Amino acid sequence: MALDYGKAKSILSSSFLENNEGVSEDEASNLVVKAELAIKGLRQEKSEDEQLIAATQVKKDLESAYKNAIKYEEAKIQYLLAKIEEIQEGDVNPHASV
């Protein structure tokens, strides 16, 4: 995920920007490595966060009820559309109309 320079400046604190206004290439490279290591650590920490894992499971559990209800309603629609098609083709109750 690459941010453009302007977007990055809008996210960073003013103290970081001030402290790194005259940064050298070597210093900037070191800071990039430190930031990459920090990201790696944060991602690892996130993957091991028990509260986040539990919250994710709660979200999945809550969503499953909605998904099942939607799937049920979609099945009703498919069934009824097939019945309408049967009726229109005259296979079932040829005197019925839609």
Protein backbone atom coordinates (compact mmCIF):
# COMPACT_ATOMS: atom_id res chain seq x y z
CA MET A 1 0.00 0.00 0.00
CA ALA A 2 1.84 3.04 -1.20
CA LEU A 3 0.72 6.49 -0.16
CA ASP A 4 1.66 9.49 -2.17
CA TYR A 5 3.89 12.08 -0.52
CA GLY A 6 1.06 14.54 0.19
CA LYS A 7 -1.20 11.89 1.72
CA ALA A 8 1.66 10.60 3.88
CA LYS A 9 2.36 14.12 5.14
CA SER A 10 -1.28 14.57 6.09
CA ILE A 11 -1.20 11.36 8.19
CA LEU A 12 2.13 11.90 9.96
CA SER A 13 2.49 13.97 13.09
CA SER A 14 3.95 17.45 12.77
CA SER A 15 6.77 16.46 15.15
CA PHE A 16 7.78 13.55 12.88
CA LEU A 17 7.75 15.85 9.87
CA GLU A 18 9.80 18.49 11.68
CA ASN A 19 12.31 15.96 13.05
CA ASN A 20 12.86 14.42 9.62
CA GLU A 21 12.81 17.51 7.39
CA GLY A 22 16.59 17.32 6.82
CA VAL A 23 16.97 13.55 6.99
CA SER A 24 19.90 12.01 5.08
CA GLU A 25 19.52 9.09 2.70
CA ASP A 26 21.10 6.65 5.19
CA GLU A 27 18.93 7.89 8.04
CA ALA A 28 15.84 7.64 5.85
CA SER A 29 16.79 4.07 4.87
CA ASN A 30 17.23 3.13 8.53
CA LEU A 31 13.85 4.64 9.38
CA VAL A 32 12.23 2.70 6.52
CA VAL A 33 13.69 -0.56 7.87
CA LYS A 34 12.50 0.28 11.40
CA ALA A 35 9.03 1.09 10.07
CA GLU A 36 8.90 -2.18 8.11
CA LEU A 37 9.92 -4.11 11.24
CA ALA A 38 7.27 -2.24 13.24
CA ILE A 39 4.63 -3.20 10.66
CA LYS A 40 5.72 -6.84 10.82
CA GLY A 41 5.49 -6.78 14.62
CA LEU A 42 2.09 -5.11 14.59
CA ARG A 43 0.72 -7.64 12.11
CA GLN A 44 2.01 -10.47 14.29
CA GLU A 45 0.54 -8.87 17.40
CA LYS A 46 -2.79 -8.39 15.61
CA SER A 47 -2.89 -12.05 14.55
CA GLU A 48 -2.34 -13.11 18.19
CA ASP A 49 -4.72 -10.61 19.82
CA GLU A 50 -7.23 -12.75 21.74
CA GLN A 51 -9.83 -9.99 21.99
CA LEU A 52 -9.66 -9.32 18.26
CA ILE A 53 -9.89 -13.04 17.49
CA ALA A 54 -12.92 -13.35 19.79
CA ALA A 55 -14.57 -10.27 18.29
CA THR A 56 -14.00 -11.63 14.79
CA GLN A 57 -15.67 -14.90 15.80
CA VAL A 58 -18.64 -13.04 17.32
CA LYS A 59 -18.97 -11.05 14.07
CA LYS A 60 -18.91 -14.26 12.03
CA ASP A 61 -21.52 -15.85 14.29
CA LEU A 62 -23.82 -12.84 14.06
CA GLU A 63 -23.42 -12.60 10.29
CA SER A 64 -24.20 -16.28 9.79
CA ALA A 65 -27.79 -15.80 10.97
CA TYR A 66 -28.30 -13.07 8.38
CA LYS A 67 -26.58 -15.10 5.66
CA ASN A 68 -28.78 -18.11 6.41
CA ALA A 69 -31.94 -15.99 6.38
CA ILE A 70 -30.95 -14.42 3.06
CA LYS A 71 -30.11 -17.84 1.61
CA TYR A 72 -33.54 -19.11 2.72
CA GLU A 73 -35.34 -16.16 1.09
CA GLU A 74 -33.32 -16.59 -2.11
CA ALA A 75 -34.26 -20.29 -2.17
CA LYS A 76 -37.94 -19.31 -1.85
CA ILE A 77 -37.56 -16.95 -4.80
CA GLN A 78 -35.89 -19.63 -6.94
CA TYR A 79 -38.54 -22.19 -6.04
CA LEU A 80 -41.43 -19.82 -6.75
CA LEU A 81 -39.91 -18.65 -10.05
CA ALA A 82 -39.59 -22.28 -11.11
CA LYS A 83 -43.23 -22.87 -10.13
CA ILE A 84 -44.31 -19.81 -12.14
CA GLU A 85 -42.39 -21.14 -15.13
CA GLU A 86 -44.09 -24.56 -14.76
CA ILE A 87 -47.48 -22.88 -14.60
CA GLN A 88 -46.77 -20.70 -17.63
CA GLU A 89 -45.61 -23.72 -19.63
CA GLY A 90 -48.82 -25.49 -18.75
CA ASP A 91 -47.15 -28.33 -16.85
CA VAL A 92 -49.03 -27.53 -13.63
CA ASN A 93 -52.55 -26.10 -13.37
CA PRO A 94 -52.95 -24.92 -16.98
CA HIS A 95 -55.91 -22.68 -16.04
CA ALA A 96 -53.89 -20.50 -13.63
CA SER A 97 -52.51 -17.17 -14.78
CA VAL A 98 -49.81 -14.92 -13.40
